Every structure is written in C-alpha cells, then in structure tokens.
Amino acid sequence: MAFAVIVMIVAAVVEKERRDKATSSIAGSTPMNVFWLAPLFMILGFANGFALVGLQEYFYDQVPDSMRSLGMGFYLSVIGASNFLSSLLIMVVDKVTSSLGKGWFEKDLN
C-alpha cells in the first residue's frame, strides 16, 4: 500500500509537469523526455514484485501438498480477477463521469 501512495505522488508530479509543458508548447506536442516515467515504472516494478512473490508464497505455503498445482491456479486466478476488476472500474468511472459532463478519460490528453 505504501508503494501505491508513492507511485500516485510521483505520477501526479510527472503529470503536472507534462500538462504545464503541453499548455506552454506552441506545436501542441509535449517537449518532454520519456525518462520522466522511469522512476514511476521502477517503483511499480518493485511493488509488483513484492506483491506477486508474497501472494505466490502464500498460496504455496497454505495449500496442502496434494493440491500444490491448484494453489498455483488460485494464485493466477486472483491476478486475472484483479485485472478484470481494474478494467471494469475504469469503464464505470468513464461512464459516470461522461454522463455528468466532461469525462475523466478524453481522446486528447492535453
């Protein structure tokens, strides 16, 4: 959870910088280097590693020896279900915010 807070703070700083550069740019494109995203993805990688390894160890340790292969299936199904829930949440937020006026997800990021 701490990694998620750190990632959100870093993402907010990078997005503010991107928006400032996009509004001040005449050409309409953002004169910003892709390496601004490197810290964000490094923190996400660490968080993902800790979470997935911990989850895998939990299922491997808590499942009886005769059901080890099912433990791996449970582990992968949790990851799959979380991906589906994430997509569903994005669709719901898009529908709700679009119906109230200007949506959060627009065709033009700037």
PDB file of N, CA and C in Angstrom:
ATOM      1  N   MET A   1       0.816  -1.182   0.000  1.00  0.00           N
ATOM      2  CA  MET A   1       0.000   0.000   0.000  1.00  0.00           C
ATOM      3  C   MET A   1       0.868   1.256   0.000  1.00  0.00           C
ATOM      4  N   ALA A   2       1.995   1.192   0.675  1.00  0.00           N
ATOM      5  CA  ALA A   2       2.898   2.344   0.702  1.00  0.00           C
ATOM      6  C   ALA A   2       3.443   2.630  -0.691  1.00  0.00           C
ATOM      7  N   PHE A   3       3.735   1.565  -1.449  1.00  0.00           N
ATOM      8  CA  PHE A   3       4.211   1.760  -2.816  1.00  0.00           C
ATOM      9  C   PHE A   3       3.147   2.443  -3.670  1.00  0.00           C
ATOM     10  N   ALA A   4       1.891   2.111  -3.460  1.00  0.00           N
ATOM     11  CA  ALA A   4       0.810   2.727  -4.233  1.00  0.00           C
ATOM     12  C   ALA A   4       0.735   4.227  -3.959  1.00  0.00           C
ATOM     13  N   VAL A   5       0.914   4.624  -2.718  1.00  0.00           N
ATOM     14  CA  VAL A   5       0.894   6.048  -2.375  1.00  0.00           C
ATOM     15  C   VAL A   5       2.071   6.762  -3.029  1.00  0.00           C
ATOM     16  N   ILE A   6       3.248   6.153  -2.968  1.00  0.00           N
ATOM     17  CA  ILE A   6       4.436   6.755  -3.578  1.00  0.00           C
ATOM     18  C   ILE A   6       4.259   6.875  -5.086  1.00  0.00           C
ATOM     19  N   VAL A   7       3.727   5.837  -5.721  1.00  0.00           N
ATOM     20  CA  VAL A   7       3.504   5.861  -7.167  1.00  0.00           C
ATOM     21  C   VAL A   7       2.524   6.967  -7.537  1.00  0.00           C
ATOM     22  N   MET A   8       1.469   7.143  -6.767  1.00  0.00           N
ATOM     23  CA  MET A   8       0.492   8.192  -7.067  1.00  0.00           C
ATOM     24  C   MET A   8       1.107   9.584  -6.926  1.00  0.00           C
ATOM     25  N   ILE A   9       1.965   9.776  -5.950  1.00  0.00           N
ATOM     26  CA  ILE A   9       2.631  11.070  -5.780  1.00  0.00           C
ATOM     27  C   ILE A   9       3.561  11.342  -6.955  1.00  0.00           C
ATOM     28  N   VAL A  10       4.365  10.353  -7.332  1.00  0.00           N
ATOM     29  CA  VAL A  10       5.277  10.518  -8.468  1.00  0.00           C
ATOM     30  C   VAL A  10       4.491  10.752  -9.753  1.00  0.00           C
ATOM     31  N   ALA A  11       3.409  10.014  -9.958  1.00  0.00           N
ATOM     32  CA  ALA A  11       2.586  10.190 -11.158  1.00  0.00           C
ATOM     33  C   ALA A  11       1.963  11.581 -11.195  1.00  0.00           C
ATOM     34  N   ALA A  12       1.541  12.104 -10.056  1.00  0.00           N
ATOM     35  CA  ALA A  12       0.962  13.450 -10.016  1.00  0.00           C
ATOM     36  C   ALA A  12       1.998  14.505 -10.381  1.00  0.00           C
ATOM     37  N   VAL A  13       3.218  14.349  -9.889  1.00  0.00           N
ATOM     38  CA  VAL A  13       4.285  15.301 -10.213  1.00  0.00           C
ATOM     39  C   VAL A  13       4.601  15.261 -11.706  1.00  0.00           C
ATOM     40  N   VAL A  14       4.724  14.060 -12.263  1.00  0.00           N
ATOM     41  CA  VAL A  14       5.032  13.920 -13.690  1.00  0.00           C
ATOM     42  C   VAL A  14       3.891  14.464 -14.542  1.00  0.00           C
ATOM     43  N   GLU A  15       2.647  14.191 -14.169  1.00  0.00           N
ATOM     44  CA  GLU A  15       1.500  14.677 -14.946  1.00  0.00           C
ATOM     45  C   GLU A  15       1.396  16.195 -14.881  1.00  0.00           C
ATOM     46  N   LYS A  16       1.671  16.786 -13.730  1.00  0.00           N
ATOM     47  CA  LYS A  16       1.645  18.244 -13.630  1.00  0.00           C
ATOM     48  C   LYS A  16       2.706  18.851 -14.535  1.00  0.00           C
ATOM     49  N   GLU A  17       3.878  18.278 -14.538  1.00  0.00           N
ATOM     50  CA  GLU A  17       4.954  18.763 -15.408  1.00  0.00           C
ATOM     51  C   GLU A  17       4.573  18.611 -16.879  1.00  0.00           C
ATOM     52  N   ARG A  18       3.979  17.486 -17.234  1.00  0.00           N
ATOM     53  CA  ARG A  18       3.572  17.250 -18.623  1.00  0.00           C
ATOM     54  C   ARG A  18       2.507  18.243 -19.062  1.00  0.00           C
ATOM     55  N   ARG A  19       1.526  18.472 -18.201  1.00  0.00           N
ATOM     56  CA  ARG A  19       0.446  19.417 -18.549  1.00  0.00           C
ATOM     57  C   ARG A  19       0.974  20.841 -18.666  1.00  0.00           C
ATOM     58  N   ASP A  20       1.883  21.221 -17.776  1.00  0.00           N
ATOM     59  CA  ASP A  20       2.474  22.558 -17.862  1.00  0.00           C
ATOM     60  C   ASP A  20       3.239  22.737 -19.168  1.00  0.00           C
ATOM     61  N   LYS A  21       4.011  21.723 -19.544  1.00  0.00           N
ATOM     62  CA  LYS A  21       4.769  21.812 -20.795  1.00  0.00           C
ATOM     63  C   LYS A  21       3.851  21.767 -22.009  1.00  0.00           C
ATOM     64  N   ALA A  22       2.765  21.008 -21.936  1.00  0.00           N
ATOM     65  CA  ALA A  22       1.844  20.906 -23.068  1.00  0.00           C
ATOM     66  C   ALA A  22       1.103  22.217 -23.297  1.00  0.00           C
ATOM     67  N   THR A  23       0.726  22.898 -22.232  1.00  0.00           N
ATOM     68  CA  THR A  23      -0.001  24.160 -22.400  1.00  0.00           C
ATOM     69  C   THR A  23       0.917  25.290 -22.840  1.00  0.00           C
ATOM     70  N   SER A  24       2.200  25.211 -22.488  1.00  0.00           N
ATOM     71  CA  SER A  24       3.130  26.265 -22.897  1.00  0.00           C
ATOM     72  C   SER A  24       3.744  25.998 -24.269  1.00  0.00           C
ATOM     73  N   SER A  25       3.584  24.797 -24.792  1.00  0.00           N
ATOM     74  CA  SER A  25       4.153  24.449 -26.095  1.00  0.00           C
ATOM     75  C   SER A  25       3.268  24.980 -27.215  1.00  0.00           C
ATOM     76  N   ILE A  26       3.888  25.534 -28.237  1.00  0.00           N
ATOM     77  CA  ILE A  26       3.151  26.090 -29.370  1.00  0.00           C
ATOM     78  C   ILE A  26       2.717  24.994 -30.335  1.00  0.00           C
ATOM     79  N   ALA A  27       3.554  24.000 -30.533  1.00  0.00           N
ATOM     80  CA  ALA A  27       3.292  22.962 -31.538  1.00  0.00           C
ATOM     81  C   ALA A  27       2.183  22.000 -31.125  1.00  0.00           C
ATOM     82  N   GLY A  28       1.795  21.998 -29.888  1.00  0.00           N
ATOM     83  CA  GLY A  28       0.748  21.092 -29.433  1.00  0.00           C
ATOM     84  C   GLY A  28       1.276  19.773 -28.906  1.00  0.00           C
ATOM     85  N   SER A  29       2.526  19.467 -29.184  1.00  0.00           N
ATOM     86  CA  SER A  29       3.115  18.252 -28.631  1.00  0.00           C
ATOM     87  C   SER A  29       3.920  18.625 -27.393  1.00  0.00           C
ATOM     88  N   THR A  30       4.134  17.663 -26.557  1.00  0.00           N
ATOM     89  CA  THR A  30       4.835  17.919 -25.306  1.00  0.00           C
ATOM     90  C   THR A  30       6.325  17.678 -25.491  1.00  0.00           C
ATOM     91  N   PRO A  31       7.149  18.707 -25.308  1.00  0.00           N
ATOM     92  CA  PRO A  31       8.597  18.524 -25.430  1.00  0.00           C
ATOM     93  C   PRO A  31       9.173  17.931 -24.148  1.00  0.00           C
ATOM     94  N   MET A  32       8.799  16.696 -23.868  1.00  0.00           N
ATOM     95  CA  MET A  32       9.175  16.063 -22.602  1.00  0.00           C
ATOM     96  C   MET A  32       9.805  14.711 -22.890  1.00  0.00           C
ATOM     97  N   ASN A  33      10.842  14.393 -22.165  1.00  0.00           N
ATOM     98  CA  ASN A  33      11.561  13.147 -22.353  1.00  0.00           C
ATOM     99  C   ASN A  33      10.805  11.987 -21.703  1.00  0.00           C
ATOM    100  N   VAL A  34      10.871  10.820 -22.324  1.00  0.00           N
ATOM    101  CA  VAL A  34      10.183   9.639 -21.801  1.00  0.00           C
ATOM    102  C   VAL A  34      10.798   9.163 -20.481  1.00  0.00           C
ATOM    103  N   PHE A  35      12.009   9.562 -20.198  1.00  0.00           N
ATOM    104  CA  PHE A  35      12.674   9.116 -18.978  1.00  0.00           C
ATOM    105  C   PHE A  35      12.083   9.739 -17.712  1.00  0.00           C
ATOM    106  N   TRP A  36      11.150  10.677 -17.861  1.00  0.00           N
ATOM    107  CA  TRP A  36      10.406  11.167 -16.711  1.00  0.00           C
ATOM    108  C   TRP A  36       9.577  10.040 -16.095  1.00  0.00           C
ATOM    109  N   LEU A  37       9.234   9.047 -16.895  1.00  0.00           N
ATOM    110  CA  LEU A  37       8.416   7.931 -16.416  1.00  0.00           C
ATOM    111  C   LEU A  37       9.240   6.822 -15.761  1.00  0.00           C
ATOM    112  N   ALA A  38      10.561   6.879 -15.873  1.00  0.00           N
ATOM    113  CA  ALA A  38      11.412   5.811 -15.338  1.00  0.00           C
ATOM    114  C   ALA A  38      11.222   5.591 -13.832  1.00  0.00           C
ATOM    115  N   PRO A  39      11.242   6.636 -12.990  1.00  0.00           N
ATOM    116  CA  PRO A  39      11.035   6.378 -11.555  1.00  0.00           C
ATOM    117  C   PRO A  39       9.678   5.747 -11.263  1.00  0.00           C
ATOM    118  N   LEU A  40       8.664   6.190 -11.988  1.00  0.00           N
ATOM    119  CA  LEU A  40       7.320   5.647 -11.794  1.00  0.00           C
ATOM    120  C   LEU A  40       7.291   4.149 -12.078  1.00  0.00           C
ATOM    121  N   PHE A  41       7.857   3.743 -13.202  1.00  0.00           N
ATOM    122  CA  PHE A  41       7.832   2.327 -13.557  1.00  0.00           C
ATOM    123  C   PHE A  41       8.767   1.497 -12.687  1.00  0.00           C
ATOM    124  N   MET A  42       9.844   2.093 -12.181  1.00  0.00           N
ATOM    125  CA  MET A  42      10.712   1.353 -11.266  1.00  0.00           C
ATOM    126  C   MET A  42       9.989   1.061  -9.951  1.00  0.00           C
ATOM    127  N   ILE A  43       9.285   2.053  -9.421  1.00  0.00           N
ATOM    128  CA  ILE A  43       8.535   1.844  -8.178  1.00  0.00           C
ATOM    129  C   ILE A  43       7.415   0.836  -8.402  1.00  0.00           C
ATOM    130  N   LEU A  44       6.734   0.937  -9.553  1.00  0.00           N
ATOM    131  CA  LEU A  44       5.690  -0.045  -9.878  1.00  0.00           C
ATOM    132  C   LEU A  44       6.266  -1.457  -9.978  1.00  0.00           C
ATOM    133  N   GLY A  45       7.452  -1.585 -10.540  1.00  0.00           N
ATOM    134  CA  GLY A  45       8.095  -2.893 -10.639  1.00  0.00           C
ATOM    135  C   GLY A  45       8.414  -3.482  -9.273  1.00  0.00           C
ATOM    136  N   PHE A  46       8.945  -2.647  -8.381  1.00  0.00           N
ATOM    137  CA  PHE A  46       9.212  -3.115  -7.021  1.00  0.00           C
ATOM    138  C   PHE A  46       7.922  -3.545  -6.326  1.00  0.00           C
ATOM    139  N   ALA A  47       6.891  -2.730  -6.441  1.00  0.00           N
ATOM    140  CA  ALA A  47       5.613  -3.048  -5.793  1.00  0.00           C
ATOM    141  C   ALA A  47       5.025  -4.333  -6.346  1.00  0.00           C
ATOM    142  N   ASN A  48       5.077  -4.477  -7.665  1.00  0.00           N
ATOM    143  CA  ASN A  48       4.549  -5.679  -8.303  1.00  0.00           C
ATOM    144  C   ASN A  48       5.339  -6.914  -7.865  1.00  0.00           C
ATOM    145  N   GLY A  49       6.638  -6.782  -7.795  1.00  0.00           N
ATOM    146  CA  GLY A  49       7.469  -7.899  -7.356  1.00  0.00           C
ATOM    147  C   GLY A  49       7.156  -8.332  -5.936  1.00  0.00           C
ATOM    148  N   PHE A  50       7.068  -7.376  -5.031  1.00  0.00           N
ATOM    149  CA  PHE A  50       6.748  -7.714  -3.642  1.00  0.00           C
ATOM    150  C   PHE A  50       5.364  -8.342  -3.519  1.00  0.00           C
ATOM    151  N   ALA A  51       4.392  -7.781  -4.208  1.00  0.00           N
ATOM    152  CA  ALA A  51       3.019  -8.280  -4.090  1.00  0.00           C
ATOM    153  C   ALA A  51       2.875  -9.670  -4.694  1.00  0.00           C
ATOM    154  N   LEU A  52       3.412  -9.869  -5.890  1.00  0.00           N
ATOM    155  CA  LEU A  52       3.229 -11.158  -6.559  1.00  0.00           C
ATOM    156  C   LEU A  52       4.022 -12.273  -5.894  1.00  0.00           C
ATOM    157  N   VAL A  53       5.229 -11.972  -5.458  1.00  0.00           N
ATOM    158  CA  VAL A  53       6.018 -13.001  -4.772  1.00  0.00           C
ATOM    159  C   VAL A  53       5.365 -13.362  -3.446  1.00  0.00           C
ATOM    160  N   GLY A  54       4.880 -12.368  -2.722  1.00  0.00           N
ATOM    161  CA  GLY A  54       4.188 -12.645  -1.460  1.00  0.00           C
ATOM    162  C   GLY A  54       2.927 -13.464  -1.660  1.00  0.00           C
ATOM    163  N   LEU A  55       2.166 -13.135  -2.702  1.00  0.00           N
ATOM    164  CA  LEU A  55       0.940 -13.878  -2.995  1.00  0.00           C
ATOM    165  C   LEU A  55       1.251 -15.317  -3.403  1.00  0.00           C
ATOM    166  N   GLN A  56       2.278 -15.482  -4.224  1.00  0.00           N
ATOM    167  CA  GLN A  56       2.656 -16.829  -4.650  1.00  0.00           C
ATOM    168  C   GLN A  56       3.135 -17.655  -3.462  1.00  0.00           C
ATOM    169  N   GLU A  57       3.937 -17.074  -2.600  1.00  0.00           N
ATOM    170  CA  GLU A  57       4.408 -17.793  -1.418  1.00  0.00           C
ATOM    171  C   GLU A  57       3.254 -18.140  -0.476  1.00  0.00           C
ATOM    172  N   TYR A  58       2.293 -17.248  -0.360  1.00  0.00           N
ATOM    173  CA  TYR A  58       1.132 -17.514   0.489  1.00  0.00           C
ATOM    174  C   TYR A  58       0.366 -18.729  -0.019  1.00  0.00           C
ATOM    175  N   PHE A  59       0.057 -18.757  -1.319  1.00  0.00           N
ATOM    176  CA  PHE A  59      -0.689 -19.890  -1.858  1.00  0.00           C
ATOM    177  C   PHE A  59       0.141 -21.177  -1.821  1.00  0.00           C
ATOM    178  N   TYR A  60       1.436 -21.078  -2.024  1.00  0.00           N
ATOM    179  CA  TYR A  60       2.283 -22.269  -1.995  1.00  0.00           C
ATOM    180  C   TYR A  60       2.379 -22.821  -0.575  1.00  0.00           C
ATOM    181  N   ASP A  61       2.429 -21.947   0.409  1.00  0.00           N
ATOM    182  CA  ASP A  61       2.596 -22.365   1.795  1.00  0.00           C
ATOM    183  C   ASP A  61       1.288 -22.860   2.420  1.00  0.00           C
ATOM    184  N   GLN A  62       0.164 -22.279   2.075  1.00  0.00           N
ATOM    185  CA  GLN A  62      -1.102 -22.579   2.730  1.00  0.00           C
ATOM    186  C   GLN A  62      -1.875 -23.732   2.100  1.00  0.00           C
ATOM    187  N   VAL A  63      -1.507 -24.130   0.900  1.00  0.00           N
ATOM    188  CA  VAL A  63      -2.213 -25.220   0.214  1.00  0.00           C
ATOM    189  C   VAL A  63      -1.546 -26.542   0.596  1.00  0.00           C
ATOM    190  N   PRO A  64      -2.315 -27.589   0.878  1.00  0.00           N
ATOM    191  CA  PRO A  64      -1.710 -28.894   1.191  1.00  0.00           C
ATOM    192  C   PRO A  64      -0.867 -29.415   0.020  1.00  0.00           C
ATOM    193  N   ASP A  65       0.077 -30.298   0.345  1.00  0.00           N
ATOM    194  CA  ASP A  65       0.985 -30.825  -0.678  1.00  0.00           C
ATOM    195  C   ASP A  65       0.247 -31.506  -1.821  1.00  0.00           C
ATOM    196  N   SER A  66      -0.853 -32.155  -1.531  1.00  0.00           N
ATOM    197  CA  SER A  66      -1.585 -32.870  -2.581  1.00  0.00           C
ATOM    198  C   SER A  66      -2.304 -31.914  -3.539  1.00  0.00           C
ATOM    199  N   MET A  67      -2.409 -30.652  -3.167  1.00  0.00           N
ATOM    200  CA  MET A  67      -3.122 -29.675  -4.005  1.00  0.00           C
ATOM    201  C   MET A  67      -2.214 -28.528  -4.453  1.00  0.00           C
ATOM    202  N   ARG A  68      -0.895 -28.775  -4.532  1.00  0.00           N
ATOM    203  CA  ARG A  68       0.056 -27.718  -4.894  1.00  0.00           C
ATOM    204  C   ARG A  68      -0.263 -27.081  -6.242  1.00  0.00           C
ATOM    205  N   SER A  69      -0.627 -27.892  -7.218  1.00  0.00           N
ATOM    206  CA  SER A  69      -0.912 -27.337  -8.546  1.00  0.00           C
ATOM    207  C   SER A  69      -2.159 -26.452  -8.510  1.00  0.00           C
ATOM    208  N   LEU A  70      -3.120 -26.780  -7.661  1.00  0.00           N
ATOM    209  CA  LEU A  70      -4.297 -25.927  -7.527  1.00  0.00           C
ATOM    210  C   LEU A  70      -3.948 -24.594  -6.865  1.00  0.00           C
ATOM    211  N   GLY A  71      -2.972 -24.613  -5.987  1.00  0.00           N
ATOM    212  CA  GLY A  71      -2.527 -23.367  -5.362  1.00  0.00           C
ATOM    213  C   GLY A  71      -2.008 -22.389  -6.399  1.00  0.00           C
ATOM    214  N   MET A  72      -1.254 -22.902  -7.371  1.00  0.00           N
ATOM    215  CA  MET A  72      -0.761 -22.036  -8.442  1.00  0.00           C
ATOM    216  C   MET A  72      -1.918 -21.535  -9.302  1.00  0.00           C
ATOM    217  N   GLY A  73      -2.909 -22.385  -9.511  1.00  0.00           N
ATOM    218  CA  GLY A  73      -4.094 -21.957 -10.258  1.00  0.00           C
ATOM    219  C   GLY A  73      -4.863 -20.869  -9.524  1.00  0.00           C
ATOM    220  N   PHE A  74      -4.981 -21.005  -8.204  1.00  0.00           N
ATOM    221  CA  PHE A  74      -5.639 -19.966  -7.406  1.00  0.00           C
ATOM    222  C   PHE A  74      -4.866 -18.650  -7.491  1.00  0.00           C
ATOM    223  N   TYR A  75      -3.553 -18.763  -7.414  1.00  0.00           N
ATOM    224  CA  TYR A  75      -2.689 -17.579  -7.499  1.00  0.00           C
ATOM    225  C   TYR A  75      -2.912 -16.842  -8.815  1.00  0.00           C
ATOM    226  N   LEU A  76      -2.911 -17.575  -9.917  1.00  0.00           N
ATOM    227  CA  LEU A  76      -3.099 -16.945 -11.224  1.00  0.00           C
ATOM    228  C   LEU A  76      -4.522 -16.432 -11.409  1.00  0.00           C
ATOM    229  N   SER A  77      -5.504 -17.124 -10.823  1.00  0.00           N
ATOM    230  CA  SER A  77      -6.886 -16.649 -10.952  1.00  0.00           C
ATOM    231  C   SER A  77      -7.109 -15.357 -10.165  1.00  0.00           C
ATOM    232  N   VAL A  78      -6.422 -15.173  -9.058  1.00  0.00           N
ATOM    233  CA  VAL A  78      -6.519 -13.915  -8.312  1.00  0.00           C
ATOM    234  C   VAL A  78      -5.966 -12.769  -9.153  1.00  0.00           C
ATOM    235  N   ILE A  79      -4.851 -12.999  -9.828  1.00  0.00           N
ATOM    236  CA  ILE A  79      -4.274 -11.966 -10.692  1.00  0.00           C
ATOM    237  C   ILE A  79      -5.218 -11.649 -11.847  1.00  0.00           C
ATOM    238  N   GLY A  80      -5.789 -12.674 -12.466  1.00  0.00           N
ATOM    239  CA  GLY A  80      -6.727 -12.456 -13.567  1.00  0.00           C
ATOM    240  C   GLY A  80      -7.977 -11.721 -13.132  1.00  0.00           C
ATOM    241  N   ALA A  81      -8.529 -12.101 -11.993  1.00  0.00           N
ATOM    242  CA  ALA A  81      -9.735 -11.431 -11.490  1.00  0.00           C
ATOM    243  C   ALA A  81      -9.453  -9.968 -11.163  1.00  0.00           C
ATOM    244  N   SER A  82      -8.281  -9.688 -10.625  1.00  0.00           N
ATOM    245  CA  SER A  82      -7.954  -8.289 -10.316  1.00  0.00           C
ATOM    246  C   SER A  82      -7.796  -7.467 -11.586  1.00  0.00           C
ATOM    247  N   ASN A  83      -7.274  -8.065 -12.655  1.00  0.00           N
ATOM    248  CA  ASN A  83      -7.181  -7.347 -13.929  1.00  0.00           C
ATOM    249  C   ASN A  83      -8.565  -7.042 -14.492  1.00  0.00           C
ATOM    250  N   PHE A  84      -9.479  -7.993 -14.420  1.00  0.00           N
ATOM    251  CA  PHE A  84     -10.847  -7.754 -14.887  1.00  0.00           C
ATOM    252  C   PHE A  84     -11.535  -6.669 -14.056  1.00  0.00           C
ATOM    253  N   LEU A  85     -11.358  -6.707 -12.736  1.00  0.00           N
ATOM    254  CA  LEU A  85     -11.967  -5.693 -11.879  1.00  0.00           C
ATOM    255  C   LEU A  85     -11.397  -4.305 -12.155  1.00  0.00           C
ATOM    256  N   SER A  86     -10.111  -4.235 -12.457  1.00  0.00           N
ATOM    257  CA  SER A  86      -9.498  -2.957 -12.799  1.00  0.00           C
ATOM    258  C   SER A  86     -10.098  -2.388 -14.076  1.00  0.00           C
ATOM    259  N   SER A  87     -10.270  -3.234 -15.090  1.00  0.00           N
ATOM    260  CA  SER A  87     -10.891  -2.784 -16.342  1.00  0.00           C
ATOM    261  C   SER A  87     -12.337  -2.362 -16.123  1.00  0.00           C
ATOM    262  N   LEU A  88     -13.055  -3.108 -15.310  1.00  0.00           N
ATOM    263  CA  LEU A  88     -14.444  -2.767 -15.012  1.00  0.00           C
ATOM    264  C   LEU A  88     -14.535  -1.420 -14.298  1.00  0.00           C
ATOM    265  N   LEU A  89     -13.645  -1.181 -13.359  1.00  0.00           N
ATOM    266  CA  LEU A  89     -13.637   0.085 -12.639  1.00  0.00           C
ATOM    267  C   LEU A  89     -13.376   1.255 -13.583  1.00  0.00           C
ATOM    268  N   ILE A  90     -12.460   1.095 -14.516  1.00  0.00           N
ATOM    269  CA  ILE A  90     -12.173   2.153 -15.487  1.00  0.00           C
ATOM    270  C   ILE A  90     -13.392   2.421 -16.358  1.00  0.00           C
ATOM    271  N   MET A  91     -14.082   1.371 -16.799  1.00  0.00           N
ATOM    272  CA  MET A  91     -15.280   1.561 -17.623  1.00  0.00           C
ATOM    273  C   MET A  91     -16.388   2.269 -16.841  1.00  0.00           C
ATOM    274  N   VAL A  92     -16.578   1.901 -15.585  1.00  0.00           N
ATOM    275  CA  VAL A  92     -17.619   2.531 -14.769  1.00  0.00           C
ATOM    276  C   VAL A  92     -17.298   4.007 -14.535  1.00  0.00           C
ATOM    277  N   VAL A  93     -16.057   4.305 -14.196  1.00  0.00           N
ATOM    278  CA  VAL A  93     -15.664   5.698 -13.973  1.00  0.00           C
ATOM    279  C   VAL A  93     -15.848   6.511 -15.247  1.00  0.00           C
ATOM    280  N   ASP A  94     -15.497   5.945 -16.396  1.00  0.00           N
ATOM    281  CA  ASP A  94     -15.669   6.651 -17.668  1.00  0.00           C
ATOM    282  C   ASP A  94     -17.140   6.933 -17.947  1.00  0.00           C
ATOM    283  N   LYS A  95     -18.005   5.946 -17.744  1.00  0.00           N
ATOM    284  CA  LYS A  95     -19.445   6.136 -17.988  1.00  0.00           C
ATOM    285  C   LYS A  95     -20.037   7.180 -17.042  1.00  0.00           C
ATOM    286  N   VAL A  96     -19.706   7.091 -15.762  1.00  0.00           N
ATOM    287  CA  VAL A  96     -20.286   8.009 -14.778  1.00  0.00           C
ATOM    288  C   VAL A  96     -19.806   9.438 -15.020  1.00  0.00           C
ATOM    289  N   THR A  97     -18.508   9.619 -15.221  1.00  0.00           N
ATOM    290  CA  THR A  97     -18.006  10.978 -15.410  1.00  0.00           C
ATOM    291  C   THR A  97     -18.418  11.552 -16.755  1.00  0.00           C
ATOM    292  N   SER A  98     -18.568  10.724 -17.778  1.00  0.00           N
ATOM    293  CA  SER A  98     -19.030  11.222 -19.079  1.00  0.00           C
ATOM    294  C   SER A  98     -20.489  11.650 -19.017  1.00  0.00           C
ATOM    295  N   SER A  99     -21.293  10.937 -18.243  1.00  0.00           N
ATOM    296  CA  SER A  99     -22.711  11.294 -18.142  1.00  0.00           C
ATOM    297  C   SER A  99     -22.922  12.572 -17.332  1.00  0.00           C
ATOM    298  N   LEU A 100     -21.980  12.908 -16.478  1.00  0.00           N
ATOM    299  CA  LEU A 100     -22.093  14.119 -15.660  1.00  0.00           C
ATOM    300  C   LEU A 100     -21.510  15.353 -16.343  1.00  0.00           C
ATOM    301  N   GLY A 101     -20.968  15.186 -17.512  1.00  0.00           N
ATOM    302  CA  GLY A 101     -20.346  16.311 -18.217  1.00  0.00           C
ATOM    303  C   GLY A 101     -19.064  15.849 -18.864  1.00  0.00           C
ATOM    304  N   LYS A 102     -17.994  16.567 -18.594  1.00  0.00           N
ATOM    305  CA  LYS A 102     -16.697  16.214 -19.170  1.00  0.00           C
ATOM    306  C   LYS A 102     -16.120  15.012 -18.425  1.00  0.00           C
ATOM    307  N   GLY A 103     -15.822  13.949 -19.169  1.00  0.00           N
ATOM    308  CA  GLY A 103     -15.324  12.727 -18.552  1.00  0.00           C
ATOM    309  C   GLY A 103     -13.862  12.815 -18.159  1.00  0.00           C
ATOM    310  N   TRP A 104     -13.442  11.883 -17.351  1.00  0.00           N
ATOM    311  CA  TRP A 104     -12.051  11.841 -16.929  1.00  0.00           C
ATOM    312  C   TRP A 104     -11.136  11.333 -18.027  1.00  0.00           C
ATOM    313  N   PHE A 105     -11.643  10.499 -18.916  1.00  0.00           N
ATOM    314  CA  PHE A 105     -10.836   9.908 -19.978  1.00  0.00           C
ATOM    315  C   PHE A 105     -11.260  10.534 -21.300  1.00  0.00           C
ATOM    316  N   GLU A 106     -10.445  11.413 -21.825  1.00  0.00           N
ATOM    317  CA  GLU A 106     -10.752  12.119 -23.068  1.00  0.00           C
ATOM    318  C   GLU A 106      -9.889  11.577 -24.197  1.00  0.00           C
ATOM    319  N   LYS A 107     -10.260  11.929 -25.418  1.00  0.00           N
ATOM    320  CA  LYS A 107      -9.485  11.498 -26.578  1.00  0.00           C
ATOM    321  C   LYS A 107      -8.164  12.259 -26.676  1.00  0.00           C
ATOM    322  N   ASP A 108      -8.155  13.511 -26.224  1.00  0.00           N
ATOM    323  CA  ASP A 108      -6.951  14.331 -26.238  1.00  0.00           C
ATOM    324  C   ASP A 108      -6.447  14.468 -24.801  1.00  0.00           C
ATOM    325  N   LEU A 109      -5.252  13.982 -24.534  1.00  0.00           N
ATOM    326  CA  LEU A 109      -4.727  14.012 -23.168  1.00  0.00           C
ATOM    327  C   LEU A 109      -4.384  15.412 -22.692  1.00  0.00           C
ATOM    328  N   ASN A 110      -4.113  16.316 -23.633  1.00  0.00           N
ATOM    329  CA  ASN A 110      -3.717  17.666 -23.227  1.00  0.00           C
ATOM    330  C   ASN A 110      -4.942  18.495 -22.925  1.00  0.00           C
TER     331      ASN A 110
END
